[in-house]
mmCIF file of all heavy atoms, coordinates in Angstrom:
data_MODEL
# 
_entry.id   MODEL 
# 
loop_
_atom_site.group_PDB 
_atom_site.id 
_atom_site.type_symbol 
_atom_site.label_atom_id 
_atom_site.label_alt_id 
_atom_site.label_comp_id 
_atom_site.label_asym_id 
_atom_site.label_entity_id 
_atom_site.label_seq_id 
_atom_site.pdbx_PDB_ins_code 
_atom_site.Cartn_x 
_atom_site.Cartn_y 
_atom_site.Cartn_z 
_atom_site.occupancy 
_atom_site.B_iso_or_equiv 
_atom_site.pdbx_formal_charge 
_atom_site.auth_seq_id 
_atom_site.auth_comp_id 
_atom_site.auth_asym_id 
_atom_site.auth_atom_id 
_atom_site.pdbx_PDB_model_num 
ATOM 1   N N   . ALA A 1 1  ? 25.671 101.573 174.845 1.00 0.00 ? 1  ALA A N   1 
ATOM 2   C CA  . ALA A 1 1  ? 24.511 100.758 174.503 1.00 0.00 ? 1  ALA A CA  1 
ATOM 3   C C   . ALA A 1 1  ? 23.873 101.242 173.198 1.00 0.00 ? 1  ALA A C   1 
ATOM 4   O O   . ALA A 1 1  ? 23.836 102.432 172.910 1.00 0.00 ? 1  ALA A O   1 
ATOM 5   C CB  . ALA A 1 1  ? 23.485 100.815 175.628 1.00 0.00 ? 1  ALA A CB  1 
ATOM 6   N N   . VAL A 1 2  ? 23.377 100.300 172.428 1.00 0.00 ? 2  VAL A N   1 
ATOM 7   C CA  . VAL A 1 2  ? 22.730 100.571 171.144 1.00 0.00 ? 2  VAL A CA  1 
ATOM 8   C C   . VAL A 1 2  ? 21.239 100.301 171.319 1.00 0.00 ? 2  VAL A C   1 
ATOM 9   O O   . VAL A 1 2  ? 20.851 99.219  171.745 1.00 0.00 ? 2  VAL A O   1 
ATOM 10  C CB  . VAL A 1 2  ? 23.319 99.664  170.040 1.00 0.00 ? 2  VAL A CB  1 
ATOM 11  C CG1 . VAL A 1 2  ? 22.579 99.852  168.741 1.00 0.00 ? 2  VAL A CG1 1 
ATOM 12  C CG2 . VAL A 1 2  ? 24.803 99.908  169.878 1.00 0.00 ? 2  VAL A CG2 1 
ATOM 13  N N   . THR A 1 3  ? 20.411 101.284 170.985 1.00 0.00 ? 3  THR A N   1 
ATOM 14  C CA  . THR A 1 3  ? 18.963 101.141 171.110 1.00 0.00 ? 3  THR A CA  1 
ATOM 15  C C   . THR A 1 3  ? 18.319 101.209 169.737 1.00 0.00 ? 3  THR A C   1 
ATOM 16  O O   . THR A 1 3  ? 18.623 102.098 168.948 1.00 0.00 ? 3  THR A O   1 
ATOM 17  C CB  . THR A 1 3  ? 18.388 102.259 172.002 1.00 0.00 ? 3  THR A CB  1 
ATOM 18  O OG1 . THR A 1 3  ? 19.042 102.221 173.269 1.00 0.00 ? 3  THR A OG1 1 
ATOM 19  C CG2 . THR A 1 3  ? 16.904 102.087 172.211 1.00 0.00 ? 3  THR A CG2 1 
ATOM 20  N N   . VAL A 1 4  ? 17.437 100.260 169.469 1.00 0.00 ? 4  VAL A N   1 
ATOM 21  C CA  . VAL A 1 4  ? 16.680 100.255 168.212 1.00 0.00 ? 4  VAL A CA  1 
ATOM 22  C C   . VAL A 1 4  ? 15.341 100.901 168.499 1.00 0.00 ? 4  VAL A C   1 
ATOM 23  O O   . VAL A 1 4  ? 14.579 100.422 169.339 1.00 0.00 ? 4  VAL A O   1 
ATOM 24  C CB  . VAL A 1 4  ? 16.493 98.825  167.684 1.00 0.00 ? 4  VAL A CB  1 
ATOM 25  C CG1 . VAL A 1 4  ? 15.717 98.834  166.381 1.00 0.00 ? 4  VAL A CG1 1 
ATOM 26  C CG2 . VAL A 1 4  ? 17.840 98.134  167.511 1.00 0.00 ? 4  VAL A CG2 1 
ATOM 27  N N   . LYS A 1 5  ? 15.068 101.998 167.833 1.00 0.00 ? 5  LYS A N   1 
ATOM 28  C CA  . LYS A 1 5  ? 13.821 102.726 168.063 1.00 0.00 ? 5  LYS A CA  1 
ATOM 29  C C   . LYS A 1 5  ? 12.676 102.072 167.299 1.00 0.00 ? 5  LYS A C   1 
ATOM 30  O O   . LYS A 1 5  ? 12.865 101.548 166.214 1.00 0.00 ? 5  LYS A O   1 
ATOM 31  C CB  . LYS A 1 5  ? 13.972 104.182 167.629 1.00 0.00 ? 5  LYS A CB  1 
ATOM 32  C CG  . LYS A 1 5  ? 14.971 104.940 168.472 1.00 0.00 ? 5  LYS A CG  1 
ATOM 33  C CD  . LYS A 1 5  ? 14.996 106.390 168.090 1.00 0.00 ? 5  LYS A CD  1 
ATOM 34  C CE  . LYS A 1 5  ? 15.901 107.162 169.023 1.00 0.00 ? 5  LYS A CE  1 
ATOM 35  N NZ  . LYS A 1 5  ? 15.789 108.591 168.805 1.00 0.00 ? 5  LYS A NZ  1 
ATOM 36  N N   . GLY A 1 6  ? 11.499 102.119 167.889 1.00 0.00 ? 6  GLY A N   1 
ATOM 37  C CA  . GLY A 1 6  ? 10.313 101.626 167.202 1.00 0.00 ? 6  GLY A CA  1 
ATOM 38  C C   . GLY A 1 6  ? 9.818  100.295 167.724 1.00 0.00 ? 6  GLY A C   1 
ATOM 39  O O   . GLY A 1 6  ? 10.408 99.667  168.592 1.00 0.00 ? 6  GLY A O   1 
ATOM 40  N N   . THR A 1 7  ? 8.698  99.890  167.136 1.00 0.00 ? 7  THR A N   1 
ATOM 41  C CA  . THR A 1 7  ? 8.046  98.632  167.456 1.00 0.00 ? 7  THR A CA  1 
ATOM 42  C C   . THR A 1 7  ? 7.943  97.819  166.176 1.00 0.00 ? 7  THR A C   1 
ATOM 43  O O   . THR A 1 7  ? 7.621  98.359  165.115 1.00 0.00 ? 7  THR A O   1 
ATOM 44  C CB  . THR A 1 7  ? 6.634  98.901  168.027 1.00 0.00 ? 7  THR A CB  1 
ATOM 45  O OG1 . THR A 1 7  ? 6.775  99.715  169.189 1.00 0.00 ? 7  THR A OG1 1 
ATOM 46  C CG2 . THR A 1 7  ? 5.931  97.628  168.407 1.00 0.00 ? 7  THR A CG2 1 
ATOM 47  N N   . PHE A 1 8  ? 8.198  96.520  166.270 1.00 0.00 ? 8  PHE A N   1 
ATOM 48  C CA  . PHE A 1 8  ? 8.225  95.654  165.094 1.00 0.00 ? 8  PHE A CA  1 
ATOM 49  C C   . PHE A 1 8  ? 7.232  94.512  165.264 1.00 0.00 ? 8  PHE A C   1 
ATOM 50  O O   . PHE A 1 8  ? 7.148  93.899  166.317 1.00 0.00 ? 8  PHE A O   1 
ATOM 51  C CB  . PHE A 1 8  ? 9.629  95.082  164.889 1.00 0.00 ? 8  PHE A CB  1 
ATOM 52  C CG  . PHE A 1 8  ? 10.675 96.148  164.760 1.00 0.00 ? 8  PHE A CG  1 
ATOM 53  C CD1 . PHE A 1 8  ? 11.384 96.588  165.871 1.00 0.00 ? 8  PHE A CD1 1 
ATOM 54  C CD2 . PHE A 1 8  ? 10.931 96.740  163.546 1.00 0.00 ? 8  PHE A CD2 1 
ATOM 55  C CE1 . PHE A 1 8  ? 12.336 97.582  165.770 1.00 0.00 ? 8  PHE A CE1 1 
ATOM 56  C CE2 . PHE A 1 8  ? 11.884 97.733  163.423 1.00 0.00 ? 8  PHE A CE2 1 
ATOM 57  C CZ  . PHE A 1 8  ? 12.584 98.159  164.545 1.00 0.00 ? 8  PHE A CZ  1 
ATOM 58  N N   . ARG A 1 9  ? 6.500  94.229  164.196 1.00 0.00 ? 9  ARG A N   1 
ATOM 59  C CA  . ARG A 1 9  ? 5.490  93.174  164.204 1.00 0.00 ? 9  ARG A CA  1 
ATOM 60  C C   . ARG A 1 9  ? 6.149  91.815  163.985 1.00 0.00 ? 9  ARG A C   1 
ATOM 61  O O   . ARG A 1 9  ? 7.036  91.668  163.151 1.00 0.00 ? 9  ARG A O   1 
ATOM 62  C CB  . ARG A 1 9  ? 4.474  93.436  163.095 1.00 0.00 ? 9  ARG A CB  1 
ATOM 63  C CG  . ARG A 1 9  ? 3.330  92.454  163.054 1.00 0.00 ? 9  ARG A CG  1 
ATOM 64  C CD  . ARG A 1 9  ? 2.289  92.902  162.047 1.00 0.00 ? 9  ARG A CD  1 
ATOM 65  N NE  . ARG A 1 9  ? 2.793  92.986  160.703 1.00 0.00 ? 9  ARG A NE  1 
ATOM 66  C CZ  . ARG A 1 9  ? 2.570  92.073  159.765 1.00 0.00 ? 9  ARG A CZ  1 
ATOM 67  N NH1 . ARG A 1 9  ? 1.860  91.004  160.038 1.00 0.00 ? 9  ARG A NH1 1 
ATOM 68  N NH2 . ARG A 1 9  ? 3.054  92.228  158.562 1.00 0.00 ? 9  ARG A NH2 1 
ATOM 69  N N   . LEU A 1 10 ? 5.704  90.823  164.743 1.00 0.00 ? 10 LEU A N   1 
ATOM 70  C CA  . LEU A 1 10 ? 6.177  89.456  164.536 1.00 0.00 ? 10 LEU A CA  1 
ATOM 71  C C   . LEU A 1 10 ? 5.547  88.890  163.264 1.00 0.00 ? 10 LEU A C   1 
ATOM 72  O O   . LEU A 1 10 ? 4.357  89.095  163.006 1.00 0.00 ? 10 LEU A O   1 
ATOM 73  C CB  . LEU A 1 10 ? 5.796  88.570  165.724 1.00 0.00 ? 10 LEU A CB  1 
ATOM 74  C CG  . LEU A 1 10 ? 6.575  88.788  167.001 1.00 0.00 ? 10 LEU A CG  1 
ATOM 75  C CD1 . LEU A 1 10 ? 5.962  87.977  168.130 1.00 0.00 ? 10 LEU A CD1 1 
ATOM 76  C CD2 . LEU A 1 10 ? 8.021  88.406  166.816 1.00 0.00 ? 10 LEU A CD2 1 
ATOM 77  N N   . ARG A 1 11 ? 6.347  88.183  162.495 1.00 0.00 ? 11 ARG A N   1 
ATOM 78  C CA  . ARG A 1 11 ? 5.877  87.528  161.273 1.00 0.00 ? 11 ARG A CA  1 
ATOM 79  C C   . ARG A 1 11 ? 6.286  86.067  161.327 1.00 0.00 ? 11 ARG A C   1 
ATOM 80  O O   . ARG A 1 11 ? 7.194  85.704  162.055 1.00 0.00 ? 11 ARG A O   1 
ATOM 81  C CB  . ARG A 1 11 ? 6.526  88.154  160.037 1.00 0.00 ? 11 ARG A CB  1 
ATOM 82  C CG  . ARG A 1 11 ? 6.266  89.621  159.867 1.00 0.00 ? 11 ARG A CG  1 
ATOM 83  C CD  . ARG A 1 11 ? 7.159  90.162  158.745 1.00 0.00 ? 11 ARG A CD  1 
ATOM 84  N NE  . ARG A 1 11 ? 7.019  91.574  158.601 1.00 0.00 ? 11 ARG A NE  1 
ATOM 85  C CZ  . ARG A 1 11 ? 6.275  92.158  157.670 1.00 0.00 ? 11 ARG A CZ  1 
ATOM 86  N NH1 . ARG A 1 11 ? 5.601  91.436  156.827 1.00 0.00 ? 11 ARG A NH1 1 
ATOM 87  N NH2 . ARG A 1 11 ? 6.206  93.463  157.605 1.00 0.00 ? 11 ARG A NH2 1 
ATOM 88  N N   . ARG A 1 12 ? 5.661  85.263  160.502 1.00 0.00 ? 12 ARG A N   1 
ATOM 89  C CA  . ARG A 1 12 ? 6.035  83.855  160.410 1.00 0.00 ? 12 ARG A CA  1 
ATOM 90  C C   . ARG A 1 12 ? 6.924  83.638  159.194 1.00 0.00 ? 12 ARG A C   1 
ATOM 91  O O   . ARG A 1 12 ? 6.702  84.228  158.143 1.00 0.00 ? 12 ARG A O   1 
ATOM 92  C CB  . ARG A 1 12 ? 4.801  82.974  160.274 1.00 0.00 ? 12 ARG A CB  1 
ATOM 93  C CG  . ARG A 1 12 ? 4.182  82.665  161.596 1.00 0.00 ? 12 ARG A CG  1 
ATOM 94  C CD  . ARG A 1 12 ? 3.126  81.652  161.425 1.00 0.00 ? 12 ARG A CD  1 
ATOM 95  N NE  . ARG A 1 12 ? 1.878  82.320  161.769 1.00 0.00 ? 12 ARG A NE  1 
ATOM 96  C CZ  . ARG A 1 12 ? 0.719  81.744  161.813 1.00 0.00 ? 12 ARG A CZ  1 
ATOM 97  N NH1 . ARG A 1 12 ? 0.595  80.492  161.504 1.00 0.00 ? 12 ARG A NH1 1 
ATOM 98  N NH2 . ARG A 1 12 ? -0.348 82.414  162.141 1.00 0.00 ? 12 ARG A NH2 1 
ATOM 99  N N   . SER A 1 13 ? 7.905  82.773  159.374 1.00 0.00 ? 13 SER A N   1 
ATOM 100 C CA  . SER A 1 13 ? 8.783  82.404  158.273 1.00 0.00 ? 13 SER A CA  1 
ATOM 101 C C   . SER A 1 13 ? 8.888  80.887  158.228 1.00 0.00 ? 13 SER A C   1 
ATOM 102 O O   . SER A 1 13 ? 9.093  80.252  159.266 1.00 0.00 ? 13 SER A O   1 
ATOM 103 C CB  . SER A 1 13 ? 10.177 83.013  158.482 1.00 0.00 ? 13 SER A CB  1 
ATOM 104 O OG  . SER A 1 13 ? 11.062 82.570  157.480 1.00 0.00 ? 13 SER A OG  1 
ATOM 105 N N   . ARG A 1 14 ? 8.735  80.342  157.060 1.00 0.00 ? 14 ARG A N   1 
ATOM 106 C CA  . ARG A 1 14 ? 8.809  78.887  156.903 1.00 0.00 ? 14 ARG A CA  1 
ATOM 107 C C   . ARG A 1 14 ? 10.048 78.548  156.086 1.00 0.00 ? 14 ARG A C   1 
ATOM 108 O O   . ARG A 1 14 ? 10.246 79.075  154.997 1.00 0.00 ? 14 ARG A O   1 
ATOM 109 C CB  . ARG A 1 14 ? 7.556  78.372  156.218 1.00 0.00 ? 14 ARG A CB  1 
ATOM 110 C CG  . ARG A 1 14 ? 7.499  76.879  156.156 1.00 0.00 ? 14 ARG A CG  1 
ATOM 111 C CD  . ARG A 1 14 ? 6.153  76.435  155.621 1.00 0.00 ? 14 ARG A CD  1 
ATOM 112 N NE  . ARG A 1 14 ? 6.176  75.027  155.326 1.00 0.00 ? 14 ARG A NE  1 
ATOM 113 C CZ  . ARG A 1 14 ? 5.787  74.094  156.181 1.00 0.00 ? 14 ARG A CZ  1 
ATOM 114 N NH1 . ARG A 1 14 ? 5.330  74.435  157.349 1.00 0.00 ? 14 ARG A NH1 1 
ATOM 115 N NH2 . ARG A 1 14 ? 5.853  72.827  155.856 1.00 0.00 ? 14 ARG A NH2 1 
ATOM 116 N N   . ARG A 1 15 ? 10.873 77.675  156.661 1.00 0.00 ? 15 ARG A N   1 
ATOM 117 C CA  . ARG A 1 15 ? 12.105 77.272  155.976 1.00 0.00 ? 15 ARG A CA  1 
ATOM 118 C C   . ARG A 1 15 ? 12.477 75.868  156.407 1.00 0.00 ? 15 ARG A C   1 
ATOM 119 O O   . ARG A 1 15 ? 12.507 75.567  157.590 1.00 0.00 ? 15 ARG A O   1 
ATOM 120 C CB  . ARG A 1 15 ? 13.235 78.228  156.319 1.00 0.00 ? 15 ARG A CB  1 
ATOM 121 C CG  . ARG A 1 15 ? 14.488 77.939  155.540 1.00 0.00 ? 15 ARG A CG  1 
ATOM 122 C CD  . ARG A 1 15 ? 15.420 79.130  155.595 1.00 0.00 ? 15 ARG A CD  1 
ATOM 123 N NE  . ARG A 1 15 ? 16.513 78.963  154.677 1.00 0.00 ? 15 ARG A NE  1 
ATOM 124 C CZ  . ARG A 1 15 ? 17.661 78.401  155.000 1.00 0.00 ? 15 ARG A CZ  1 
ATOM 125 N NH1 . ARG A 1 15 ? 17.871 77.946  156.200 1.00 0.00 ? 15 ARG A NH1 1 
ATOM 126 N NH2 . ARG A 1 15 ? 18.615 78.278  154.094 1.00 0.00 ? 15 ARG A NH2 1 
ATOM 127 N N   . GLY A 1 16 ? 12.784 75.015  155.450 1.00 0.00 ? 16 GLY A N   1 
ATOM 128 C CA  . GLY A 1 16 ? 13.202 73.652  155.753 1.00 0.00 ? 16 GLY A CA  1 
ATOM 129 C C   . GLY A 1 16 ? 12.153 72.838  156.494 1.00 0.00 ? 16 GLY A C   1 
ATOM 130 O O   . GLY A 1 16 ? 12.485 71.959  157.272 1.00 0.00 ? 16 GLY A O   1 
ATOM 131 N N   . GLY A 1 17 ? 10.884 73.144  156.283 1.00 0.00 ? 17 GLY A N   1 
ATOM 132 C CA  . GLY A 1 17 ? 9.815  72.406  156.929 1.00 0.00 ? 17 GLY A CA  1 
ATOM 133 C C   . GLY A 1 17 ? 9.457  72.907  158.318 1.00 0.00 ? 17 GLY A C   1 
ATOM 134 O O   . GLY A 1 17 ? 8.587  72.352  158.966 1.00 0.00 ? 17 GLY A O   1 
ATOM 135 N N   . PHE A 1 18 ? 10.135 73.936  158.798 1.00 0.00 ? 18 PHE A N   1 
ATOM 136 C CA  . PHE A 1 18 ? 9.865  74.488  160.126 1.00 0.00 ? 18 PHE A CA  1 
ATOM 137 C C   . PHE A 1 18 ? 9.336  75.912  159.990 1.00 0.00 ? 18 PHE A C   1 
ATOM 138 O O   . PHE A 1 18 ? 9.753  76.657  159.125 1.00 0.00 ? 18 PHE A O   1 
ATOM 139 C CB  . PHE A 1 18 ? 11.134 74.500  160.978 1.00 0.00 ? 18 PHE A CB  1 
ATOM 140 C CG  . PHE A 1 18 ? 11.667 73.126  161.250 1.00 0.00 ? 18 PHE A CG  1 
ATOM 141 C CD1 . PHE A 1 18 ? 12.759 72.645  160.557 1.00 0.00 ? 18 PHE A CD1 1 
ATOM 142 C CD2 . PHE A 1 18 ? 11.073 72.309  162.194 1.00 0.00 ? 18 PHE A CD2 1 
ATOM 143 C CE1 . PHE A 1 18 ? 13.251 71.384  160.792 1.00 0.00 ? 18 PHE A CE1 1 
ATOM 144 C CE2 . PHE A 1 18 ? 11.561 71.044  162.448 1.00 0.00 ? 18 PHE A CE2 1 
ATOM 145 C CZ  . PHE A 1 18 ? 12.647 70.573  161.742 1.00 0.00 ? 18 PHE A CZ  1 
ATOM 146 N N   . THR A 1 19 ? 8.454  76.275  160.900 1.00 0.00 ? 19 THR A N   1 
ATOM 147 C CA  . THR A 1 19 ? 7.921  77.629  160.941 1.00 0.00 ? 19 THR A CA  1 
ATOM 148 C C   . THR A 1 19 ? 8.469  78.334  162.164 1.00 0.00 ? 19 THR A C   1 
ATOM 149 O O   . THR A 1 19 ? 8.411  77.803  163.271 1.00 0.00 ? 19 THR A O   1 
ATOM 150 C CB  . THR A 1 19 ? 6.383  77.611  161.001 1.00 0.00 ? 19 THR A CB  1 
ATOM 151 O OG1 . THR A 1 19 ? 5.894  76.901  159.863 1.00 0.00 ? 19 THR A OG1 1 
ATOM 152 C CG2 . THR A 1 19 ? 5.816  79.016  161.007 1.00 0.00 ? 19 THR A CG2 1 
ATOM 153 N N   . SER A 1 20 ? 9.028  79.524  161.973 1.00 0.00 ? 20 SER A N   1 
ATOM 154 C CA  . SER A 1 20 ? 9.576  80.317  163.068 1.00 0.00 ? 20 SER A CA  1 
ATOM 155 C C   . SER A 1 20 ? 8.928  81.688  163.068 1.00 0.00 ? 20 SER A C   1 
ATOM 156 O O   . SER A 1 20 ? 8.526  82.194  162.029 1.00 0.00 ? 20 SER A O   1 
ATOM 157 C CB  . SER A 1 20 ? 11.093 80.504  162.902 1.00 0.00 ? 20 SER A CB  1 
ATOM 158 O OG  . SER A 1 20 ? 11.764 79.296  162.992 1.00 0.00 ? 20 SER A OG  1 
ATOM 159 N N   . TRP A 1 21 ? 8.866  82.302  164.225 1.00 0.00 ? 21 TRP A N   1 
ATOM 160 C CA  . TRP A 1 21 ? 8.431  83.692  164.344 1.00 0.00 ? 21 TRP A CA  1 
ATOM 161 C C   . TRP A 1 21 ? 9.662  84.562  164.206 1.00 0.00 ? 21 TRP A C   1 
ATOM 162 O O   . TRP A 1 21 ? 10.721 84.254  164.760 1.00 0.00 ? 21 TRP A O   1 
ATOM 163 C CB  . TRP A 1 21 ? 7.748  83.932  165.687 1.00 0.00 ? 21 TRP A CB  1 
ATOM 164 C CG  . TRP A 1 21 ? 6.405  83.301  165.737 1.00 0.00 ? 21 TRP A CG  1 
ATOM 165 C CD1 . TRP A 1 21 ? 6.093  82.083  166.266 1.00 0.00 ? 21 TRP A CD1 1 
ATOM 166 C CD2 . TRP A 1 21 ? 5.191  83.836  165.223 1.00 0.00 ? 21 TRP A CD2 1 
ATOM 167 N NE1 . TRP A 1 21 ? 4.745  81.831  166.106 1.00 0.00 ? 21 TRP A NE1 1 
ATOM 168 C CE2 . TRP A 1 21 ? 4.180  82.888  165.472 1.00 0.00 ? 21 TRP A CE2 1 
ATOM 169 C CE3 . TRP A 1 21 ? 4.869  85.027  164.569 1.00 0.00 ? 21 TRP A CE3 1 
ATOM 170 C CZ2 . TRP A 1 21 ? 2.857  83.107  165.097 1.00 0.00 ? 21 TRP A CZ2 1 
ATOM 171 C CZ3 . TRP A 1 21 ? 3.559  85.237  164.193 1.00 0.00 ? 21 TRP A CZ3 1 
ATOM 172 C CH2 . TRP A 1 21 ? 2.558  84.283  164.451 1.00 0.00 ? 21 TRP A CH2 1 
ATOM 173 N N   . ILE A 1 22 ? 9.532  85.652  163.448 1.00 0.00 ? 22 ILE A N   1 
ATOM 174 C CA  . ILE A 1 22 ? 10.682 86.506  163.162 1.00 0.00 ? 22 ILE A CA  1 
ATOM 175 C C   . ILE A 1 22 ? 10.309 87.986  163.232 1.00 0.00 ? 22 ILE A C   1 
ATOM 176 O O   . ILE A 1 22 ? 9.135  88.337  163.164 1.00 0.00 ? 22 ILE A O   1 
ATOM 177 C CB  . ILE A 1 22 ? 11.267 86.210  161.760 1.00 0.00 ? 22 ILE A CB  1 
ATOM 178 C CG1 . ILE A 1 22 ? 10.251 86.558  160.652 1.00 0.00 ? 22 ILE A CG1 1 
ATOM 179 C CG2 . ILE A 1 22 ? 11.742 84.788  161.649 1.00 0.00 ? 22 ILE A CG2 1 
ATOM 180 C CD1 . ILE A 1 22 ? 10.825 86.574  159.254 1.00 0.00 ? 22 ILE A CD1 1 
ATOM 181 N N   . VAL A 1 23 ? 11.325 88.802  163.354 1.00 0.00 ? 23 VAL A N   1 
ATOM 182 C CA  . VAL A 1 23 ? 11.244 90.236  163.065 1.00 0.00 ? 23 VAL A CA  1 
ATOM 183 C C   . VAL A 1 23 ? 12.178 90.393  161.886 1.00 0.00 ? 23 VAL A C   1 
ATOM 184 O O   . VAL A 1 23 ? 13.374 90.130  161.993 1.00 0.00 ? 23 VAL A O   1 
ATOM 185 C CB  . VAL A 1 23 ? 11.710 91.104  164.253 1.00 0.00 ? 23 VAL A CB  1 
ATOM 186 C CG1 . VAL A 1 23 ? 11.890 92.543  163.813 1.00 0.00 ? 23 VAL A CG1 1 
ATOM 187 C CG2 . VAL A 1 23 ? 10.730 91.003  165.396 1.00 0.00 ? 23 VAL A CG2 1 
ATOM 188 N N   . GLY A 1 24 ? 11.651 90.747  160.752 1.00 0.00 ? 24 GLY A N   1 
ATOM 189 C CA  . GLY A 1 24 ? 12.422 90.822  159.516 1.00 0.00 ? 24 GLY A CA  1 
ATOM 190 C C   . GLY A 1 24 ? 11.557 90.362  158.362 1.00 0.00 ? 24 GLY A C   1 
ATOM 191 O O   . GLY A 1 24 ? 10.333 90.314  158.460 1.00 0.00 ? 24 GLY A O   1 
ATOM 192 N N   . ARG A 1 25 ? 12.199 89.996  157.273 1.00 0.00 ? 25 ARG A N   1 
ATOM 193 C CA  . ARG A 1 25 ? 11.480 89.499  156.102 1.00 0.00 ? 25 ARG A CA  1 
ATOM 194 C C   . ARG A 1 25 ? 11.938 88.079  155.816 1.00 0.00 ? 25 ARG A C   1 
ATOM 195 O O   . ARG A 1 25 ? 13.122 87.773  155.915 1.00 0.00 ? 25 ARG A O   1 
ATOM 196 C CB  . ARG A 1 25 ? 11.778 90.363  154.888 1.00 0.00 ? 25 ARG A CB  1 
ATOM 197 C CG  . ARG A 1 25 ? 11.321 91.790  155.051 1.00 0.00 ? 25 ARG A CG  1 
ATOM 198 C CD  . ARG A 1 25 ? 10.525 92.231  153.846 1.00 0.00 ? 25 ARG A CD  1 
ATOM 199 N NE  . ARG A 1 25 ? 10.272 93.648  153.767 1.00 0.00 ? 25 ARG A NE  1 
ATOM 200 C CZ  . ARG A 1 25 ? 9.491  94.324  154.586 1.00 0.00 ? 25 ARG A CZ  1 
ATOM 201 N NH1 . ARG A 1 25 ? 8.945  93.744  155.599 1.00 0.00 ? 25 ARG A NH1 1 
ATOM 202 N NH2 . ARG A 1 25 ? 9.280  95.615  154.411 1.00 0.00 ? 25 ARG A NH2 1 
ATOM 203 N N   . SER A 1 26 ? 10.998 87.239  155.465 1.00 0.00 ? 26 SER A N   1 
ATOM 204 C CA  . SER A 1 26 ? 11.323 85.867  155.109 1.00 0.00 ? 26 SER A CA  1 
ATOM 205 C C   . SER A 1 26 ? 12.134 85.862  153.817 1.00 0.00 ? 26 SER A C   1 
ATOM 206 O O   . SER A 1 26 ? 11.760 86.505  152.841 1.00 0.00 ? 26 SER A O   1 
ATOM 207 C CB  . SER A 1 26 ? 10.031 85.068  154.925 1.00 0.00 ? 26 SER A CB  1 
ATOM 208 O OG  . SER A 1 26 ? 10.331 83.731  154.652 1.00 0.00 ? 26 SER A OG  1 
ATOM 209 N N   . ALA A 1 27 ? 13.272 85.183  153.844 1.00 0.00 ? 27 ALA A N   1 
ATOM 210 C CA  . ALA A 1 27 ? 14.157 85.118  152.682 1.00 0.00 ? 27 ALA A CA  1 
ATOM 211 C C   . ALA A 1 27 ? 14.772 83.727  152.612 1.00 0.00 ? 27 ALA A C   1 
ATOM 212 O O   . ALA A 1 27 ? 15.857 83.494  153.136 1.00 0.00 ? 27 ALA A O   1 
ATOM 213 C CB  . ALA A 1 27 ? 15.237 86.192  152.785 1.00 0.00 ? 27 ALA A CB  1 
ATOM 214 N N   . PRO A 1 28 ? 14.078 82.775  151.990 1.00 0.00 ? 28 PRO A N   1 
ATOM 215 C CA  . PRO A 1 28 ? 14.557 81.394  151.966 1.00 0.00 ? 28 PRO A CA  1 
ATOM 216 C C   . PRO A 1 28 ? 15.958 81.217  151.374 1.00 0.00 ? 28 PRO A C   1 
ATOM 217 O O   . PRO A 1 28 ? 16.639 80.258  151.691 1.00 0.00 ? 28 PRO A O   1 
ATOM 218 C CB  . PRO A 1 28 ? 13.513 80.675  151.108 1.00 0.00 ? 28 PRO A CB  1 
ATOM 219 C CG  . PRO A 1 28 ? 12.297 81.517  151.207 1.00 0.00 ? 28 PRO A CG  1 
ATOM 220 C CD  . PRO A 1 28 ? 12.781 82.925  151.343 1.00 0.00 ? 28 PRO A CD  1 
ATOM 221 N N   . ALA A 1 29 ? 16.414 82.152  150.548 1.00 0.00 ? 29 ALA A N   1 
ATOM 222 C CA  . ALA A 1 29 ? 17.725 82.017  149.917 1.00 0.00 ? 29 ALA A CA  1 
ATOM 223 C C   . ALA A 1 29 ? 18.887 82.324  150.875 1.00 0.00 ? 29 ALA A C   1 
ATOM 224 O O   . ALA A 1 29 ? 20.023 81.974  150.600 1.00 0.00 ? 29 ALA A O   1 
ATOM 225 C CB  . ALA A 1 29 ? 17.817 82.919  148.692 1.00 0.00 ? 29 ALA A CB  1 
ATOM 226 N N   . THR A 1 30 ? 18.618 82.977  151.990 1.00 0.00 ? 30 THR A N   1 
ATOM 227 C CA  . THR A 1 30 ? 19.693 83.307  152.931 1.00 0.00 ? 30 THR A CA  1 
ATOM 228 C C   . THR A 1 30 ? 19.981 82.116  153.841 1.00 0.00 ? 30 THR A C   1 
ATOM 229 O O   . THR A 1 30 ? 19.179 81.191  153.947 1.00 0.00 ? 30 THR A O   1 
ATOM 230 C CB  . THR A 1 30 ? 19.326 84.535  153.801 1.00 0.00 ? 30 THR A CB  1 
ATOM 231 O OG1 . THR A 1 30 ? 18.164 84.212  154.562 1.00 0.00 ? 30 THR A OG1 1 
ATOM 232 C CG2 . THR A 1 30 ? 19.052 85.753  152.942 1.00 0.00 ? 30 THR A CG2 1 
# 
């Protein structure tokens, strides 16, 4: 099993007219 240590804040990402909650960074080019 693989465990990711730590706690991550939810962020909003807007792409293609939709808003999603994410863990990561918004990157419209991906």
